[in-house]
Protein backbone atom coordinates (compact mmCIF):
# COMPACT_ATOMS: atom_id res chain seq x y z
CA MET A 1 -28.35 -24.61 -51.86
CA SER A 2 -28.17 -23.11 -48.33
CA ASP A 3 -29.17 -18.73 -48.54
CA THR A 4 -26.60 -18.64 -45.45
CA LEU A 5 -23.96 -18.72 -47.99
CA ASN A 6 -24.54 -15.68 -49.97
CA ARG A 7 -21.52 -16.18 -52.07
CA THR A 8 -20.88 -15.24 -55.64
CA SER A 9 -17.94 -18.22 -56.04
CA GLN A 10 -17.05 -21.48 -55.03
CA PRO A 11 -14.52 -21.03 -52.55
CA ASN A 12 -11.02 -23.52 -52.97
CA ILE A 13 -11.11 -25.83 -50.21
CA ILE A 14 -7.81 -27.24 -48.93
CA LEU A 15 -8.37 -30.47 -46.83
CA ILE A 16 -5.19 -31.16 -44.67
CA ASN A 17 -5.65 -34.68 -42.87
CA CYS A 18 -2.22 -35.85 -40.27
CA ASP A 19 -1.51 -39.55 -39.69
CA ASP A 20 -1.87 -39.94 -35.78
CA LEU A 21 -1.49 -36.53 -34.78
CA GLY A 22 -3.07 -36.19 -31.57
CA TYR A 23 -5.47 -33.97 -29.61
CA GLY A 24 -2.88 -32.47 -27.12
CA ASP A 25 0.21 -32.25 -29.95
CA LEU A 26 -0.63 -28.76 -30.72
CA ALA A 27 0.17 -25.95 -28.86
CA CYS A 28 -3.51 -24.21 -29.50
CA TYR A 29 -5.04 -27.46 -27.83
CA GLY A 30 -3.00 -27.38 -25.17
CA SER A 31 0.56 -28.43 -26.18
CA ARG A 32 3.55 -27.51 -23.75
CA ARG A 33 6.17 -29.75 -25.48
CA ASN A 34 5.36 -28.54 -29.38
CA ASP A 35 5.60 -25.18 -31.20
CA THR A 36 2.85 -24.78 -33.85
CA PRO A 37 2.64 -21.21 -34.73
CA HIS A 38 1.06 -21.15 -38.07
CA LEU A 39 -1.49 -23.48 -37.02
CA ASP A 40 -1.89 -21.68 -33.65
CA GLN A 41 -2.88 -18.55 -36.37
CA LEU A 42 -5.12 -20.53 -38.18
CA ALA A 43 -7.03 -21.47 -35.31
CA ALA A 44 -6.62 -17.50 -34.00
CA THR A 45 -8.82 -16.90 -37.48
CA GLY A 46 -10.68 -19.12 -37.79
CA MET A 47 -12.70 -21.86 -35.85
CA ARG A 48 -11.18 -24.55 -33.60
CA PHE A 49 -13.74 -27.38 -32.93
CA THR A 50 -13.62 -29.21 -29.35
CA ASP A 51 -15.60 -32.23 -30.00
CA PHE A 52 -14.61 -33.47 -33.29
CA TYR A 53 -14.54 -37.03 -33.94
CA MET A 54 -13.04 -39.65 -36.58
CA ALA A 55 -15.48 -42.11 -37.05
CA SER A 56 -12.61 -44.66 -36.47
CA PRO A 57 -9.76 -45.14 -34.43
CA VAL A 58 -7.29 -46.23 -37.07
CA CYS A 59 -6.31 -45.13 -40.49
CA SER A 60 -8.21 -46.77 -43.34
CA ALA A 61 -11.38 -46.95 -42.15
CA SER A 62 -11.06 -43.46 -40.87
CA ARG A 63 -10.10 -42.01 -44.25
CA ALA A 64 -12.72 -44.03 -46.18
CA ALA A 65 -15.66 -42.49 -43.95
CA MET A 66 -14.12 -38.79 -44.02
CA LEU A 67 -14.25 -39.17 -48.20
CA THR A 68 -18.00 -40.64 -48.24
CA GLY A 69 -19.59 -38.98 -44.98
CA CYS A 70 -20.39 -42.43 -43.98
CA TYR A 71 -19.20 -44.62 -40.74
CA SER A 72 -16.85 -47.37 -42.37
CA GLN A 73 -19.06 -50.03 -41.30
CA ARG A 74 -21.84 -48.61 -43.72
CA ILE A 75 -19.32 -49.03 -46.65
CA GLY A 76 -18.25 -52.26 -46.02
CA PHE A 77 -14.51 -51.55 -43.65
CA ALA A 78 -16.17 -53.29 -40.43
CA ASP A 79 -13.44 -55.95 -41.08
CA TYR A 80 -11.21 -53.79 -42.99
CA GLN A 81 -9.81 -51.01 -40.62
CA VAL A 82 -6.42 -51.23 -41.87
CA LEU A 83 -5.56 -52.05 -45.14
CA PHE A 84 -2.48 -53.70 -46.89
CA PRO A 85 0.13 -53.50 -49.60
CA GLY A 86 -1.22 -55.77 -52.42
CA GLN A 87 -4.76 -56.44 -50.51
CA ALA A 88 -7.58 -57.27 -52.79
CA GLN A 89 -10.30 -55.07 -50.80
CA GLY A 90 -10.58 -51.26 -50.93
CA LEU A 91 -13.11 -48.45 -51.32
CA ASN A 92 -15.47 -49.37 -53.70
CA PRO A 93 -15.81 -47.37 -56.92
CA LYS A 94 -19.48 -46.97 -56.29
CA GLU A 95 -19.10 -44.83 -53.38
CA SER A 96 -19.31 -41.31 -53.91
CA THR A 97 -16.23 -39.41 -52.38
CA ILE A 98 -16.06 -35.42 -51.87
CA ALA A 99 -13.96 -35.19 -54.56
CA ARG A 100 -15.98 -36.87 -57.11
CA GLN A 101 -18.98 -34.49 -55.79
CA LEU A 102 -16.90 -31.56 -56.33
CA LYS A 103 -15.78 -32.56 -59.77
CA LEU A 104 -19.62 -32.46 -60.57
CA VAL A 105 -19.49 -28.76 -60.17
CA GLY A 106 -16.03 -27.90 -61.87
CA TYR A 107 -13.61 -27.98 -59.34
CA ASP A 108 -9.87 -29.20 -60.06
CA THR A 109 -8.67 -31.92 -57.84
CA LYS A 110 -5.91 -33.51 -56.35
CA ILE A 111 -4.54 -35.80 -53.34
CA VAL A 112 -0.86 -35.22 -52.14
CA GLY A 113 0.06 -37.88 -49.42
CA LYS A 114 -1.22 -40.77 -47.79
CA TRP A 115 -4.38 -42.49 -49.54
CA HIS A 116 -4.49 -45.56 -47.56
CA CYS A 117 -8.19 -47.19 -49.51
CA GLY A 118 -6.92 -49.51 -51.68
CA ASP A 119 -3.85 -49.56 -53.59
CA GLN A 120 -5.07 -51.87 -56.54
CA PRO A 121 -6.29 -49.93 -59.84
CA GLU A 122 -9.45 -49.16 -59.32
CA PHE A 123 -9.06 -48.20 -55.80
CA LEU A 124 -6.84 -45.54 -56.50
CA PRO A 125 -7.58 -41.84 -56.14
CA THR A 126 -7.97 -41.43 -59.80
CA ASN A 127 -11.09 -43.37 -59.97
CA HIS A 128 -12.56 -41.74 -56.99
CA GLY A 129 -12.72 -38.42 -58.23
CA PHE A 130 -9.30 -37.06 -57.88
CA ASP A 131 -7.93 -35.64 -61.29
CA GLU A 132 -4.19 -36.17 -59.97
CA TYR A 133 -2.50 -38.09 -57.04
CA PHE A 134 0.95 -37.88 -55.76
CA GLY A 135 2.14 -39.57 -52.54
CA ILE A 136 2.73 -43.00 -50.89
CA PRO A 137 -0.65 -45.03 -50.63
CA PHE A 138 -0.57 -46.33 -47.44
CA SER A 139 1.21 -46.01 -44.20
CA ASN A 140 5.29 -44.98 -43.99
CA ASP A 141 5.77 -48.38 -42.38
CA MET A 142 4.66 -50.86 -44.99
CA GLY A 143 7.77 -50.87 -47.23
CA ARG A 144 10.48 -53.32 -47.17
CA GLN A 145 12.39 -53.54 -43.61
CA VAL A 146 15.33 -55.67 -42.14
CA ASN A 147 12.72 -57.77 -39.66
CA ARG A 148 9.86 -57.98 -42.73
CA LEU A 149 11.61 -59.04 -45.75
CA GLU A 150 8.26 -59.81 -47.03
CA SER A 151 6.89 -57.02 -47.44
CA PRO A 152 7.21 -54.89 -50.98
CA PRO A 153 9.15 -52.04 -51.28
CA LEU A 154 7.64 -48.89 -50.43
CA PRO A 155 6.16 -47.06 -53.76
CA LEU A 156 5.62 -43.52 -54.35
CA MET A 157 3.25 -42.84 -56.80
CA ARG A 158 2.39 -40.06 -59.43
CA ASN A 159 -1.54 -41.09 -60.43
CA ASP A 160 -1.52 -44.66 -61.42
CA GLU A 161 2.01 -45.11 -61.46
CA VAL A 162 4.98 -46.10 -59.27
CA ILE A 163 8.10 -43.40 -59.93
CA GLN A 164 10.12 -44.18 -56.97
CA GLN A 165 10.58 -46.99 -54.50
CA GLN A 166 12.14 -46.73 -51.05
CA PRO A 167 12.23 -43.10 -51.26
CA ASP A 168 14.04 -41.14 -48.49
CA GLN A 169 11.22 -40.45 -46.34
CA ARG A 170 13.33 -37.25 -44.82
CA GLY A 171 12.47 -35.25 -47.68
CA ILE A 172 8.80 -37.01 -48.61
CA THR A 173 7.20 -34.15 -46.49
CA GLU A 174 9.34 -31.36 -48.42
CA ARG A 175 8.12 -32.75 -51.68
CA TYR A 176 4.44 -33.10 -50.51
CA VAL A 177 4.33 -29.20 -49.99
CA ASP A 178 6.20 -28.68 -53.19
CA GLU A 179 3.37 -30.51 -55.38
CA SER A 180 1.00 -28.75 -53.50
CA LEU A 181 2.44 -25.53 -54.08
CA GLN A 182 2.79 -26.35 -57.91
CA PHE A 183 -0.79 -27.20 -57.85
CA LEU A 184 -1.94 -24.09 -56.10
CA ARG A 185 -0.39 -21.76 -58.81
CA ARG A 186 -1.22 -23.13 -61.69
CA GLU A 187 -3.61 -20.72 -63.54
CA ARG A 188 -7.20 -21.81 -63.92
CA LYS A 189 -10.99 -20.98 -64.12
CA ALA A 190 -12.23 -23.07 -61.93
CA PRO A 191 -11.82 -23.54 -57.91
CA PHE A 192 -10.11 -26.50 -56.68
CA PHE A 193 -9.96 -28.91 -53.78
CA LEU A 194 -6.61 -30.05 -52.68
CA TYR A 195 -6.01 -33.02 -50.15
CA LEU A 196 -3.31 -33.15 -48.39
CA ALA A 197 -2.63 -36.07 -46.28
CA HIS A 198 1.07 -35.85 -44.24
CA MET A 199 2.89 -38.73 -43.58
CA TYR A 200 3.76 -37.12 -40.11
CA VAL A 201 3.52 -38.14 -37.43
CA HIS A 202 3.32 -41.97 -37.90
CA VAL A 203 6.13 -43.84 -37.14
CA PRO A 204 8.88 -44.40 -37.83
CA LEU A 205 9.83 -40.39 -37.83
CA PHE A 206 12.14 -39.34 -40.19
CA VAL A 207 12.40 -35.98 -39.64
CA PRO A 208 14.67 -33.22 -41.59
CA LYS A 209 17.83 -31.96 -39.03
CA GLN A 210 16.61 -28.19 -39.22
CA PHE A 211 13.29 -29.40 -37.75
CA MET A 212 15.33 -31.75 -35.42
CA GLU A 213 17.38 -29.06 -34.01
CA THR A 214 15.06 -26.65 -32.81
CA SER A 215 12.33 -29.06 -31.12
CA ARG A 216 11.88 -29.68 -27.67
CA ASN A 217 10.22 -33.14 -27.97
CA GLY A 218 12.86 -34.93 -29.90
CA ALA A 219 11.57 -36.63 -33.39
CA TYR A 220 8.25 -36.22 -32.54
CA GLY A 221 8.14 -32.58 -31.89
CA GLY A 222 10.31 -32.10 -35.21
CA ALA A 223 7.69 -33.57 -36.87
CA VAL A 224 4.96 -31.61 -35.94
CA ALA A 225 7.45 -28.74 -36.50
CA CYS A 226 7.38 -29.92 -39.92
CA ILE A 227 3.46 -30.17 -39.96
CA ASP A 228 3.53 -26.91 -38.88
CA TRP A 229 6.20 -25.61 -41.12
CA ALA A 230 4.08 -26.92 -44.10
CA MET A 231 0.70 -25.07 -42.82
CA GLY A 232 3.04 -21.72 -43.06
CA MET A 233 4.04 -22.48 -46.57
CA ILE A 234 0.37 -23.23 -47.77
CA GLU A 235 -0.71 -19.58 -46.14
CA ALA A 236 2.35 -17.75 -47.50
CA GLU A 237 1.53 -19.09 -51.16
CA LEU A 238 -2.30 -18.52 -50.44
CA ASN A 239 -1.39 -14.78 -49.43
CA ARG A 240 1.23 -14.48 -52.25
CA LEU A 241 -1.47 -15.73 -55.29
CA GLY A 242 -3.95 -13.31 -53.56
CA ILE A 243 -6.72 -16.04 -52.58
CA LYS A 244 -6.51 -16.59 -48.96
CA ASP A 245 -10.02 -15.04 -48.75
CA ASP A 246 -11.33 -17.50 -50.95
CA THR A 247 -10.07 -20.56 -49.69
CA LEU A 248 -11.73 -22.64 -46.82
CA ILE A 249 -8.81 -24.61 -44.86
CA ILE A 250 -9.91 -27.89 -42.69
CA PHE A 251 -6.82 -29.25 -40.61
CA THR A 252 -7.31 -32.49 -39.00
CA SER A 253 -6.22 -35.96 -37.96
CA ASP A 254 -7.01 -39.43 -39.02
CA ASN A 255 -7.19 -40.60 -35.52
CA GLY A 256 -5.18 -40.08 -31.69
CA SER A 257 -1.81 -40.35 -31.19
CA ARG A 258 -0.37 -43.69 -30.35
CA ALA A 259 0.98 -42.21 -27.16
CA ARG A 260 3.65 -44.96 -26.89
CA ASP A 261 6.55 -42.70 -25.61
CA GLU A 262 7.52 -41.22 -28.57
CA GLY A 263 6.47 -38.04 -27.87
CA GLY A 264 2.98 -38.03 -28.98
CA SER A 265 -0.06 -36.71 -26.47
CA ASN A 266 -3.72 -36.98 -26.70
CA ALA A 267 -4.42 -35.00 -23.23
CA PRO A 268 -6.84 -34.56 -21.33
CA PHE A 269 -8.56 -37.67 -22.90
CA ARG A 270 -7.84 -40.96 -21.85
CA GLY A 271 -6.69 -43.99 -24.31
CA THR A 272 -5.23 -44.10 -27.85
CA LYS A 273 -5.40 -44.86 -31.27
CA ALA A 274 -7.08 -47.86 -32.08
CA GLN A 275 -9.07 -47.30 -28.67
CA THR A 276 -12.75 -45.95 -28.29
CA TRP A 277 -11.26 -43.91 -25.36
CA GLU A 278 -12.03 -40.09 -26.43
CA GLY A 279 -8.08 -40.29 -27.13
CA GLY A 280 -8.54 -42.51 -29.79
CA GLN A 281 -11.00 -40.73 -31.81
CA ARG A 282 -11.28 -37.47 -30.54
CA VAL A 283 -9.19 -35.30 -33.06
CA PRO A 284 -8.01 -31.73 -33.77
CA CYS A 285 -9.89 -29.81 -36.17
CA ILE A 286 -9.37 -26.08 -37.17
CA MET A 287 -11.60 -25.00 -40.39
CA ARG A 288 -10.46 -21.16 -41.63
CA TRP A 289 -12.50 -19.22 -44.40
CA PRO A 290 -11.45 -15.39 -44.06
CA GLY A 291 -14.51 -13.17 -44.07
CA LYS A 292 -17.19 -16.39 -43.91
CA ILE A 293 -16.21 -17.81 -40.60
CA ALA A 294 -15.52 -15.38 -37.84
CA ALA A 295 -11.97 -15.31 -35.99
CA GLY A 296 -11.11 -16.74 -32.96
CA MET A 297 -14.36 -18.90 -32.91
CA THR A 298 -14.53 -22.20 -30.78
CA CYS A 299 -17.21 -24.47 -31.40
CA GLU A 300 -17.86 -26.74 -28.22
CA GLY A 301 -21.05 -29.00 -30.04
CA ILE A 302 -20.47 -32.74 -31.39
CA ALA A 303 -18.93 -33.10 -34.88
CA SER A 304 -17.11 -35.45 -37.00
CA SER A 305 -14.96 -35.84 -40.17
CA ILE A 306 -17.72 -37.85 -41.85
CA ASP A 307 -19.86 -34.24 -41.88
CA LEU A 308 -17.43 -32.62 -44.25
CA PHE A 309 -19.26 -34.49 -46.99
CA ALA A 310 -22.39 -32.36 -46.66
CA THR A 311 -20.43 -29.42 -45.38
CA LEU A 312 -17.96 -28.94 -48.57
CA ALA A 313 -20.99 -30.19 -50.97
CA GLU A 314 -23.38 -27.21 -49.57
CA ILE A 315 -20.33 -24.87 -49.62
CA ALA A 316 -19.55 -25.57 -53.13
CA GLY A 317 -23.14 -26.17 -54.48
CA ALA A 318 -22.63 -29.80 -55.35
CA PRO A 319 -25.33 -32.39 -55.51
CA LEU A 320 -25.68 -34.90 -52.67
CA PRO A 321 -25.60 -38.63 -54.34
CA PRO A 322 -29.26 -39.61 -55.01
CA ASP A 323 -30.51 -43.17 -53.82
CA THR A 324 -27.13 -43.29 -51.47
CA THR A 325 -27.62 -43.07 -47.48
CA LEU A 326 -25.15 -40.85 -45.79
CA ASP A 327 -24.32 -40.27 -42.18
CA SER A 328 -22.89 -36.75 -43.03
CA ILE A 329 -24.74 -33.59 -41.28
CA SER A 330 -23.86 -30.21 -42.63
CA LEU A 331 -21.64 -27.92 -40.47
CA VAL A 332 -22.37 -25.33 -42.64
CA GLU A 333 -24.92 -23.00 -40.35
CA THR A 334 -21.97 -23.37 -37.30
CA LEU A 335 -19.28 -22.27 -39.57
CA LEU A 336 -20.93 -19.36 -41.04
CA LYS A 337 -23.33 -18.45 -38.38
CA GLY A 338 -22.01 -19.80 -34.94
CA LYS A 339 -25.11 -21.89 -34.61
CA PRO A 340 -24.78 -25.27 -32.24
CA THR A 341 -23.95 -28.11 -34.42
CA LYS A 342 -26.87 -30.55 -35.33
CA ARG A 343 -24.94 -33.96 -34.39
CA ASP A 344 -26.29 -35.16 -31.21
CA VAL A 345 -25.33 -39.20 -31.43
CA PHE A 346 -21.88 -40.75 -32.30
CA ALA A 347 -21.17 -44.39 -32.48
CA TYR A 348 -18.11 -45.16 -31.56
CA TYR A 349 -16.97 -48.74 -33.60
CA ARG A 350 -14.06 -50.70 -33.28
CA GLY A 351 -14.27 -52.73 -36.41
CA PRO A 352 -17.33 -54.52 -36.42
CA ASN A 353 -18.44 -54.05 -32.77
CA LEU A 354 -20.15 -51.17 -31.26
CA GLU A 355 -18.30 -50.23 -28.43
CA ALA A 356 -19.62 -47.07 -27.19
CA VAL A 357 -22.65 -44.30 -27.85
CA ARG A 358 -22.06 -40.49 -27.15
CA LYS A 359 -25.63 -38.80 -26.71
CA GLY A 360 -24.97 -35.07 -25.90
CA ASP A 361 -22.86 -34.92 -22.75
CA TRP A 362 -23.14 -38.71 -22.17
CA LYS A 363 -21.49 -41.62 -23.12
CA ARG A 364 -22.01 -45.17 -22.64
CA HIS A 365 -19.53 -47.58 -22.95
CA TYR A 366 -20.66 -51.45 -24.23
CA PHE A 367 -17.59 -53.40 -24.89
CA ARG A 368 -13.97 -53.76 -24.76
CA ASP A 369 -11.11 -56.43 -25.10
CA ALA A 370 -13.61 -59.18 -25.41
CA GLN A 371 -15.49 -57.97 -22.23
CA PRO A 372 -18.95 -56.37 -21.83
CA LEU A 373 -19.26 -53.13 -20.11
CA PHE A 374 -21.40 -51.02 -17.66
CA GLU A 375 -20.09 -47.62 -17.94
CA LEU A 376 -21.48 -44.35 -18.14
CA TYR A 377 -19.30 -40.87 -18.09
CA ASN A 378 -20.37 -37.30 -18.35
CA LEU A 379 -17.91 -35.59 -20.55
CA ARG A 380 -18.42 -32.41 -19.82
CA ASP A 381 -17.67 -32.84 -16.08
CA ASP A 382 -15.33 -35.96 -16.58
CA VAL A 383 -13.59 -35.66 -20.05
CA GLY A 384 -10.59 -38.18 -18.59
CA GLU A 385 -13.95 -41.06 -18.48
CA ARG A 386 -12.37 -41.77 -14.96
CA ASN A 387 -15.92 -41.41 -13.05
CA ASN A 388 -18.17 -44.23 -13.87
CA VAL A 389 -21.69 -42.77 -12.95
CA TYR A 390 -23.52 -46.14 -14.75
CA GLU A 391 -25.40 -46.89 -11.38
CA ASN A 392 -26.49 -43.30 -10.75
CA HIS A 393 -28.47 -42.46 -13.84
CA PRO A 394 -31.07 -45.12 -15.06
CA GLU A 395 -32.71 -43.10 -17.13
CA ILE A 396 -29.31 -41.69 -19.54
CA VAL A 397 -28.38 -45.53 -19.43
CA ALA A 398 -31.98 -46.40 -20.89
CA GLU A 399 -31.90 -43.60 -23.61
CA LEU A 400 -28.33 -44.31 -24.95
CA ASP A 401 -29.63 -48.17 -24.79
CA ILE A 402 -31.96 -46.94 -27.16
CA GLU A 403 -29.43 -45.49 -29.83
CA ALA A 404 -27.53 -47.98 -29.23
CA GLU A 405 -29.84 -50.66 -30.86
CA GLU A 406 -30.99 -48.44 -33.71
CA ILE A 407 -27.17 -47.85 -34.66
CA ARG A 408 -26.61 -51.76 -34.23
CA GLN A 409 -29.31 -52.52 -36.68
CA ALA A 410 -28.14 -50.19 -39.36
CA PHE A 411 -24.37 -51.17 -38.80
CA GLY A 412 -24.50 -54.88 -37.29
CA ASP A 413 -22.62 -55.74 -33.50
CA ARG A 414 -20.61 -59.29 -34.29
CA ARG A 415 -20.32 -59.48 -30.51
CA LEU A 416 -24.36 -59.67 -30.15
CA ASP A 417 -24.62 -61.83 -33.49
CA CYS A 418 -26.41 -58.60 -34.85
CA THR A 419 -26.19 -57.90 -38.97
CA GLY A 420 -26.86 -54.59 -39.73
CA ALA A 421 -29.03 -53.60 -42.57
CA GLU A 422 -27.84 -50.66 -44.26
CA VAL A 423 -24.50 -52.33 -44.89
CA ARG A 424 -22.91 -51.66 -48.44
CA GLU A 425 -20.02 -53.88 -49.85
CA ILE A 426 -16.61 -52.95 -49.72
CA GLY A 427 -14.57 -53.05 -53.26
CA VAL A 428 -12.56 -56.55 -54.16
CA SER A 429 -10.25 -56.63 -56.56
CA ALA A 430 -10.34 -60.10 -58.50
CA HIS A 431 -6.33 -60.56 -59.01
CA PRO A 432 -4.63 -58.05 -56.67
CA LYS A 433 -0.92 -58.11 -56.50
CA PRO A 434 1.57 -55.53 -54.64
CA LEU A 435 2.52 -52.43 -56.87
CA THR A 436 6.32 -53.35 -56.09
CA GLU A 437 8.29 -56.02 -55.96
CA TYR A 438 11.82 -56.15 -54.56
CA ASP A 439 14.44 -55.85 -56.89
CA GLU A 440 18.19 -54.85 -55.62
CA THR A 441 18.92 -53.51 -59.22
CA HIS A 442 15.41 -51.40 -59.46
CA PRO A 443 17.28 -47.85 -60.40
CA TYR A 444 15.21 -46.11 -57.80
CA MET A 445 15.74 -48.55 -55.16
CA ILE A 446 17.06 -46.89 -51.84
CA ALA A 447 18.52 -49.05 -48.55
CA TYR A 448 15.62 -50.38 -46.97
CA TYR A 449 15.63 -49.75 -43.16
CA ASP A 450 15.62 -51.21 -39.84
CA LEU A 451 11.96 -50.64 -38.19
CA ALA A 452 13.27 -52.73 -35.19
CA ASP A 453 16.51 -51.08 -34.36
CA MET A 454 15.58 -47.40 -35.54
CA PRO A 455 11.61 -46.90 -34.41
CA THR A 456 12.52 -43.16 -34.83
CA MET A 457 15.28 -41.43 -37.16
CA ALA A 458 16.66 -37.67 -37.73
CA GLY A 459 19.30 -36.58 -39.61
């Protein structure tokens, strides 16, 4: 245990992960279209990260990586970046998760919201260290639709049971918040770990009327406002319970915005979700722990969601899993002492292919859209990746090429027929089947929607 903590008790931990929220979608990250007063206040009283990365530019691989402290390629997700209802693959139960490590040192653990690491029984959250689960186990567009009649109804689950099919998504975030607050209110002697994985701002956008009425950015702005409202409700409850100072909050997003004219923004970066430009993987991240993390801090060092595993384990006094290779690097000294982050290299994978590598301020692109690349950018001088200086810095290119080769040897690179030596197997269910089947007489069935006609919804 690090002597930088000097704590007498373990903190409560709340990890909030949004869906497709872009770097430029919060006012504290430069948005002029969305109002986020509660999140702005969180940033003002904590640490705001400017160079925080998800390990994948898409959802399932991103979430699995964050929970395990490993690049998604290491844990077998190279070919399974997005999991679908009834799919055989999922997060291998042999993998350690943040929740499982925190359970070892007495934490009560709960996930509310989107899981998306496999919907077969052996892959559900309650088999990965979470005491409880309430939420939709994959993306909110994966239910039955007029133009997708082969899809099973969208399930809302409690633990391992489907309690509702095709729920009204306009009320889902309110239900998620209520479920979270009920968890916070319980009388307990142990600390808690709450993982709130929002539905927003994944499309289609089902936005309650009250948030639409005040939005300056259509349904997207209303969805962002609902995320901010949720933060305000949690903050108010922590204050009411007198446990704000005992609680570490982490707020982030699973990847960049789609930025397809719905209202989302990855500014000032280039690229979108599913791409390895900065806009696909560099996301907002705010951490606050009153009395431990100094207020109003900005961290400009390289950090990643995979670093949360080692960070939270150190803070909670939890062991790291024995005989298991991780990619996680603790951020404790950055958070508590303001020291630079220890991560100097970051690998940008899209599925099984290494597309780019960052070392320090330099980023080298190798591959995109089936084409080899010779691109080099200085991210401090050119955060939008517009000025290719490959020809001007052969020594930097050579240095990054060495890093890239080491990464390929570990995780592979299919375009070069390179097989990684450190890849573990993804979980595979022997008899996969969807959680739900369409039945128009089902008492919990609500009419399915037409995604083609209504990409965003409000009301």
